[in-house]
């Protein structure tokens, strides 16, 4: 299980929500099967529906490539 807080701690170089999305996608590609939204990312560009965005990124990244 990937936690948003753990991804943020593991990647302090991420300075934007867009960068966090890349690490979320990588976690899915690395084999994580669940994403837990335990904290709201406090980046200046964090959208209102941030949970939906991260879920989409996570599940699209783990989808098999055609």
PDB file of N, CA and C in Angstrom:
ATOM      1  N   UNK A   1       0.847  -1.172   0.000  1.00  0.00           N
ATOM      2  CA  UNK A   1       0.000   0.000   0.000  1.00  0.00           C
ATOM      3  C   UNK A   1       0.894   1.237   0.000  1.00  0.00           C
ATOM      4  N   UNK A   2       0.592   2.159  -0.885  1.00  0.00           N
ATOM      5  CA  UNK A   2       1.318   3.423  -0.955  1.00  0.00           C
ATOM      6  C   UNK A   2       0.517   4.499  -0.232  1.00  0.00           C
ATOM      7  N   UNK A   3       1.177   5.203   0.658  1.00  0.00           N
ATOM      8  CA  UNK A   3       0.566   6.319   1.378  1.00  0.00           C
ATOM      9  C   UNK A   3       1.059   7.620   0.753  1.00  0.00           C
ATOM     10  N   UNK A   4       0.157   8.565   0.566  1.00  0.00           N
ATOM     11  CA  UNK A   4       0.548   9.858   0.014  1.00  0.00           C
ATOM     12  C   UNK A   4       1.625  10.488   0.898  1.00  0.00           C
ATOM     13  N   UNK A   5       1.453  10.422   2.208  1.00  0.00           N
ATOM     14  CA  UNK A   5       2.437  11.027   3.119  1.00  0.00           C
ATOM     15  C   UNK A   5       3.816  10.388   2.947  1.00  0.00           C
ATOM     16  N   UNK A   6       3.872   9.068   2.796  1.00  0.00           N
ATOM     17  CA  UNK A   6       5.157   8.395   2.636  1.00  0.00           C
ATOM     18  C   UNK A   6       5.822   8.752   1.310  1.00  0.00           C
ATOM     19  N   UNK A   7       5.018   8.914   0.261  1.00  0.00           N
ATOM     20  CA  UNK A   7       5.585   9.334  -1.021  1.00  0.00           C
ATOM     21  C   UNK A   7       6.155  10.742  -0.927  1.00  0.00           C
ATOM     22  N   UNK A   8       5.461  11.610  -0.194  1.00  0.00           N
ATOM     23  CA  UNK A   8       5.952  12.981  -0.030  1.00  0.00           C
ATOM     24  C   UNK A   8       7.239  13.005   0.798  1.00  0.00           C
ATOM     25  N   UNK A   9       7.311  12.185   1.829  1.00  0.00           N
ATOM     26  CA  UNK A   9       8.515  12.121   2.667  1.00  0.00           C
ATOM     27  C   UNK A   9       9.681  11.519   1.881  1.00  0.00           C
ATOM     28  N   UNK A  10       9.395  10.483   1.112  1.00  0.00           N
ATOM     29  CA  UNK A  10      10.442   9.818   0.341  1.00  0.00           C
ATOM     30  C   UNK A  10      10.979  10.676  -0.797  1.00  0.00           C
ATOM     31  N   UNK A  11      10.187  11.663  -1.223  1.00  0.00           N
ATOM     32  CA  UNK A  11      10.581  12.512  -2.362  1.00  0.00           C
ATOM     33  C   UNK A  11      10.456  13.990  -1.997  1.00  0.00           C
ATOM     34  N   UNK A  12      11.317  14.461  -1.085  1.00  0.00           N
ATOM     35  CA  UNK A  12      11.242  15.871  -0.687  1.00  0.00           C
ATOM     36  C   UNK A  12      11.578  16.833  -1.822  1.00  0.00           C
ATOM     37  N   UNK A  13      12.153  16.301  -2.888  1.00  0.00           N
ATOM     38  CA  UNK A  13      12.469  17.144  -4.038  1.00  0.00           C
ATOM     39  C   UNK A  13      11.219  17.578  -4.797  1.00  0.00           C
ATOM     40  N   UNK A  14      10.094  16.906  -4.569  1.00  0.00           N
ATOM     41  CA  UNK A  14       8.833  17.275  -5.228  1.00  0.00           C
ATOM     42  C   UNK A  14       8.353  18.609  -4.666  1.00  0.00           C
ATOM     43  N   UNK A  15       8.209  19.576  -5.519  1.00  0.00           N
ATOM     44  CA  UNK A  15       7.789  20.920  -5.112  1.00  0.00           C
ATOM     45  C   UNK A  15       6.423  21.309  -5.663  1.00  0.00           C
ATOM     46  N   UNK A  16       5.774  20.366  -6.371  1.00  0.00           N
ATOM     47  CA  UNK A  16       4.474  20.666  -6.953  1.00  0.00           C
ATOM     48  C   UNK A  16       3.613  19.406  -6.962  1.00  0.00           C
ATOM     49  N   UNK A  17       2.321  19.616  -7.098  1.00  0.00           N
ATOM     50  CA  UNK A  17       1.389  18.488  -7.197  1.00  0.00           C
ATOM     51  C   UNK A  17       1.684  17.661  -8.443  1.00  0.00           C
ATOM     52  N   UNK A  18       2.046  18.323  -9.513  1.00  0.00           N
ATOM     53  CA  UNK A  18       2.367  17.622 -10.759  1.00  0.00           C
ATOM     54  C   UNK A  18       3.541  16.665 -10.556  1.00  0.00           C
ATOM     55  N   UNK A  19       4.532  17.079  -9.790  1.00  0.00           N
ATOM     56  CA  UNK A  19       5.663  16.199  -9.508  1.00  0.00           C
ATOM     57  C   UNK A  19       5.223  15.028  -8.624  1.00  0.00           C
ATOM     58  N   UNK A  20       4.356  15.287  -7.650  1.00  0.00           N
ATOM     59  CA  UNK A  20       3.836  14.211  -6.809  1.00  0.00           C
ATOM     60  C   UNK A  20       3.099  13.185  -7.653  1.00  0.00           C
ATOM     61  N   UNK A  21       2.351  13.644  -8.644  1.00  0.00           N
ATOM     62  CA  UNK A  21       1.629  12.728  -9.528  1.00  0.00           C
ATOM     63  C   UNK A  21       2.596  11.754 -10.206  1.00  0.00           C
ATOM     64  N   UNK A  22       3.766  12.209 -10.562  1.00  0.00           N
ATOM     65  CA  UNK A  22       4.751  11.333 -11.193  1.00  0.00           C
ATOM     66  C   UNK A  22       5.200  10.231 -10.234  1.00  0.00           C
ATOM     67  N   UNK A  23       5.387  10.578  -8.963  1.00  0.00           N
ATOM     68  CA  UNK A  23       5.804   9.577  -7.977  1.00  0.00           C
ATOM     69  C   UNK A  23       4.671   8.606  -7.649  1.00  0.00           C
ATOM     70  N   UNK A  24       3.448   9.084  -7.687  1.00  0.00           N
ATOM     71  CA  UNK A  24       2.289   8.209  -7.486  1.00  0.00           C
ATOM     72  C   UNK A  24       2.214   7.196  -8.635  1.00  0.00           C
ATOM     73  N   UNK A  25       2.386   7.666  -9.847  1.00  0.00           N
ATOM     74  CA  UNK A  25       2.362   6.776 -11.013  1.00  0.00           C
ATOM     75  C   UNK A  25       3.488   5.753 -10.927  1.00  0.00           C
ATOM     76  N   UNK A  26       4.654   6.179 -10.489  1.00  0.00           N
ATOM     77  CA  UNK A  26       5.785   5.259 -10.372  1.00  0.00           C
ATOM     78  C   UNK A  26       5.519   4.193  -9.320  1.00  0.00           C
ATOM     79  N   UNK A  27       4.873   4.569  -8.225  1.00  0.00           N
ATOM     80  CA  UNK A  27       4.530   3.591  -7.182  1.00  0.00           C
ATOM     81  C   UNK A  27       3.618   2.507  -7.759  1.00  0.00           C
ATOM     82  N   UNK A  28       2.669   2.909  -8.581  1.00  0.00           N
ATOM     83  CA  UNK A  28       1.769   1.931  -9.214  1.00  0.00           C
ATOM     84  C   UNK A  28       2.539   1.019 -10.161  1.00  0.00           C
ATOM     85  N   UNK A  29       3.424   1.605 -10.958  1.00  0.00           N
ATOM     86  CA  UNK A  29       4.219   0.796 -11.888  1.00  0.00           C
ATOM     87  C   UNK A  29       5.164  -0.146 -11.146  1.00  0.00           C
ATOM     88  N   UNK A  30       5.562   0.239  -9.939  1.00  0.00           N
ATOM     89  CA  UNK A  30       6.466  -0.594  -9.133  1.00  0.00           C
ATOM     90  C   UNK A  30       5.733  -1.732  -8.420  1.00  0.00           C
ATOM     91  N   UNK A  31       4.407  -1.793  -8.564  1.00  0.00           N
ATOM     92  CA  UNK A  31       3.673  -2.919  -8.021  1.00  0.00           C
ATOM     93  C   UNK A  31       2.747  -2.628  -6.856  1.00  0.00           C
ATOM     94  N   UNK A  32       2.699  -1.387  -6.381  1.00  0.00           N
ATOM     95  CA  UNK A  32       1.739  -1.051  -5.323  1.00  0.00           C
ATOM     96  C   UNK A  32       0.337  -1.238  -5.881  1.00  0.00           C
ATOM     97  N   UNK A  33      -0.576  -1.776  -5.058  1.00  0.00           N
ATOM     98  CA  UNK A  33      -1.927  -2.021  -5.558  1.00  0.00           C
ATOM     99  C   UNK A  33      -2.985  -1.168  -4.875  1.00  0.00           C
ATOM    100  N   UNK A  34      -2.604  -0.440  -3.843  1.00  0.00           N
ATOM    101  CA  UNK A  34      -3.535   0.453  -3.150  1.00  0.00           C
ATOM    102  C   UNK A  34      -2.854   1.790  -2.901  1.00  0.00           C
ATOM    103  N   UNK A  35      -3.630   2.859  -2.983  1.00  0.00           N
ATOM    104  CA  UNK A  35      -3.148   4.197  -2.669  1.00  0.00           C
ATOM    105  C   UNK A  35      -4.014   4.742  -1.551  1.00  0.00           C
ATOM    106  N   UNK A  36      -3.385   5.121  -0.449  1.00  0.00           N
ATOM    107  CA  UNK A  36      -4.113   5.613   0.722  1.00  0.00           C
ATOM    108  C   UNK A  36      -3.912   7.119   0.835  1.00  0.00           C
ATOM    109  N   UNK A  37      -5.010   7.855   0.833  1.00  0.00           N
ATOM    110  CA  UNK A  37      -4.982   9.320   0.906  1.00  0.00           C
ATOM    111  C   UNK A  37      -4.995   9.752   2.380  1.00  0.00           C
ATOM    112  N   UNK A  38      -3.845   9.713   3.011  1.00  0.00           N
ATOM    113  CA  UNK A  38      -3.797  10.001   4.450  1.00  0.00           C
ATOM    114  C   UNK A  38      -3.545  11.470   4.771  1.00  0.00           C
ATOM    115  N   UNK A  39      -3.032  12.233   3.832  1.00  0.00           N
ATOM    116  CA  UNK A  39      -2.823  13.670   4.032  1.00  0.00           C
ATOM    117  C   UNK A  39      -3.102  14.410   2.723  1.00  0.00           C
ATOM    118  N   UNK A  40      -3.501  15.652   2.855  1.00  0.00           N
ATOM    119  CA  UNK A  40      -3.683  16.502   1.666  1.00  0.00           C
ATOM    120  C   UNK A  40      -2.336  17.132   1.327  1.00  0.00           C
ATOM    121  N   UNK A  41      -1.876  16.973   0.099  1.00  0.00           N
ATOM    122  CA  UNK A  41      -0.624  17.622  -0.299  1.00  0.00           C
ATOM    123  C   UNK A  41      -0.789  19.140  -0.263  1.00  0.00           C
ATOM    124  N   UNK A  42       0.134  19.814   0.361  1.00  0.00           N
ATOM    125  CA  UNK A  42       0.039  21.268   0.515  1.00  0.00           C
ATOM    126  C   UNK A  42       0.929  22.005  -0.478  1.00  0.00           C
ATOM    127  N   UNK A  43       0.843  21.610  -1.738  1.00  0.00           N
ATOM    128  CA  UNK A  43       1.580  22.304  -2.790  1.00  0.00           C
ATOM    129  C   UNK A  43       0.721  23.457  -3.306  1.00  0.00           C
ATOM    130  N   UNK A  44       1.346  24.498  -3.824  1.00  0.00           N
ATOM    131  CA  UNK A  44       0.560  25.636  -4.337  1.00  0.00           C
ATOM    132  C   UNK A  44      -0.411  25.259  -5.455  1.00  0.00           C
ATOM    133  N   UNK A  45      -0.086  24.202  -6.216  1.00  0.00           N
ATOM    134  CA  UNK A  45      -0.932  23.826  -7.354  1.00  0.00           C
ATOM    135  C   UNK A  45      -1.850  22.634  -7.060  1.00  0.00           C
ATOM    136  N   UNK A  46      -2.030  22.273  -5.789  1.00  0.00           N
ATOM    137  CA  UNK A  46      -2.910  21.157  -5.444  1.00  0.00           C
ATOM    138  C   UNK A  46      -4.357  21.521  -5.798  1.00  0.00           C
ATOM    139  N   UNK A  47      -4.997  20.716  -6.649  1.00  0.00           N
ATOM    140  CA  UNK A  47      -6.371  21.035  -7.046  1.00  0.00           C
ATOM    141  C   UNK A  47      -7.374  20.688  -5.942  1.00  0.00           C
ATOM    142  N   UNK A  48      -8.577  21.225  -6.048  1.00  0.00           N
ATOM    143  CA  UNK A  48      -9.607  20.945  -5.055  1.00  0.00           C
ATOM    144  C   UNK A  48      -9.920  19.457  -4.984  1.00  0.00           C
ATOM    145  N   UNK A  49     -10.027  18.813  -6.099  1.00  0.00           N
ATOM    146  CA  UNK A  49     -10.358  17.380  -6.135  1.00  0.00           C
ATOM    147  C   UNK A  49      -9.079  16.556  -6.287  1.00  0.00           C
ATOM    148  N   UNK A  50      -8.128  16.807  -5.406  1.00  0.00           N
ATOM    149  CA  UNK A  50      -6.819  16.169  -5.492  1.00  0.00           C
ATOM    150  C   UNK A  50      -6.900  14.652  -5.338  1.00  0.00           C
ATOM    151  N   UNK A  51      -7.831  14.169  -4.519  1.00  0.00           N
ATOM    152  CA  UNK A  51      -7.943  12.718  -4.320  1.00  0.00           C
ATOM    153  C   UNK A  51      -8.301  12.015  -5.633  1.00  0.00           C
ATOM    154  N   UNK A  52      -9.229  12.605  -6.360  1.00  0.00           N
ATOM    155  CA  UNK A  52      -9.665  12.029  -7.637  1.00  0.00           C
ATOM    156  C   UNK A  52      -8.500  12.013  -8.621  1.00  0.00           C
ATOM    157  N   UNK A  53      -7.769  13.110  -8.678  1.00  0.00           N
ATOM    158  CA  UNK A  53      -6.628  13.198  -9.601  1.00  0.00           C
ATOM    159  C   UNK A  53      -5.589  12.130  -9.288  1.00  0.00           C
ATOM    160  N   UNK A  54      -5.249  11.973  -7.986  1.00  0.00           N
ATOM    161  CA  UNK A  54      -4.235  10.983  -7.634  1.00  0.00           C
ATOM    162  C   UNK A  54      -4.726   9.565  -7.902  1.00  0.00           C
ATOM    163  N   UNK A  55      -5.998   9.301  -7.649  1.00  0.00           N
ATOM    164  CA  UNK A  55      -6.552   7.975  -7.959  1.00  0.00           C
ATOM    165  C   UNK A  55      -6.452   7.692  -9.452  1.00  0.00           C
ATOM    166  N   UNK A  56      -6.798   8.664 -10.270  1.00  0.00           N
ATOM    167  CA  UNK A  56      -6.732   8.475 -11.715  1.00  0.00           C
ATOM    168  C   UNK A  56      -5.308   8.190 -12.166  1.00  0.00           C
ATOM    169  N   UNK A  57      -4.374   8.973 -11.669  1.00  0.00           N
ATOM    170  CA  UNK A  57      -2.965   8.776 -12.032  1.00  0.00           C
ATOM    171  C   UNK A  57      -2.507   7.386 -11.606  1.00  0.00           C
ATOM    172  N   UNK A  58      -2.848   6.994 -10.382  1.00  0.00           N
ATOM    173  CA  UNK A  58      -2.430   5.708  -9.840  1.00  0.00           C
ATOM    174  C   UNK A  58      -2.983   4.553 -10.652  1.00  0.00           C
ATOM    175  N   UNK A  59      -4.278   4.554 -10.912  1.00  0.00           N
ATOM    176  CA  UNK A  59      -4.892   3.425 -11.599  1.00  0.00           C
ATOM    177  C   UNK A  59      -4.611   3.402 -13.096  1.00  0.00           C
ATOM    178  N   UNK A  60      -4.396   4.545 -13.701  1.00  0.00           N
ATOM    179  CA  UNK A  60      -4.033   4.563 -15.111  1.00  0.00           C
ATOM    180  C   UNK A  60      -2.598   4.071 -15.296  1.00  0.00           C
ATOM    181  N   UNK A  61      -1.734   4.368 -14.346  1.00  0.00           N
ATOM    182  CA  UNK A  61      -0.329   3.944 -14.459  1.00  0.00           C
ATOM    183  C   UNK A  61      -0.192   2.437 -14.318  1.00  0.00           C
ATOM    184  N   UNK A  62      -1.066   1.812 -13.523  1.00  0.00           N
ATOM    185  CA  UNK A  62      -0.940   0.376 -13.329  1.00  0.00           C
ATOM    186  C   UNK A  62      -1.667  -0.429 -14.402  1.00  0.00           C
ATOM    187  N   UNK A  63      -2.437   0.242 -15.242  1.00  0.00           N
ATOM    188  CA  UNK A  63      -3.147  -0.455 -16.310  1.00  0.00           C
ATOM    189  C   UNK A  63      -2.148  -1.060 -17.288  1.00  0.00           C
ATOM    190  N   UNK A  64      -2.424  -2.240 -17.765  1.00  0.00           N
ATOM    191  CA  UNK A  64      -1.493  -2.871 -18.730  1.00  0.00           C
ATOM    192  C   UNK A  64      -1.414  -2.061 -20.029  1.00  0.00           C
ATOM    193  N   UNK A  65      -0.247  -1.981 -20.557  1.00  0.00           N
ATOM    194  CA  UNK A  65      -0.016  -1.240 -21.815  1.00  0.00           C
ATOM    195  C   UNK A  65      -0.468  -2.099 -22.992  1.00  0.00           C
ATOM    196  N   UNK A  66      -1.061  -1.454 -23.990  1.00  0.00           N
ATOM    197  CA  UNK A  66      -1.490  -2.178 -25.205  1.00  0.00           C
ATOM    198  C   UNK A  66      -0.637  -1.785 -26.370  1.00  0.00           C
TER     199      UNK A  66
END
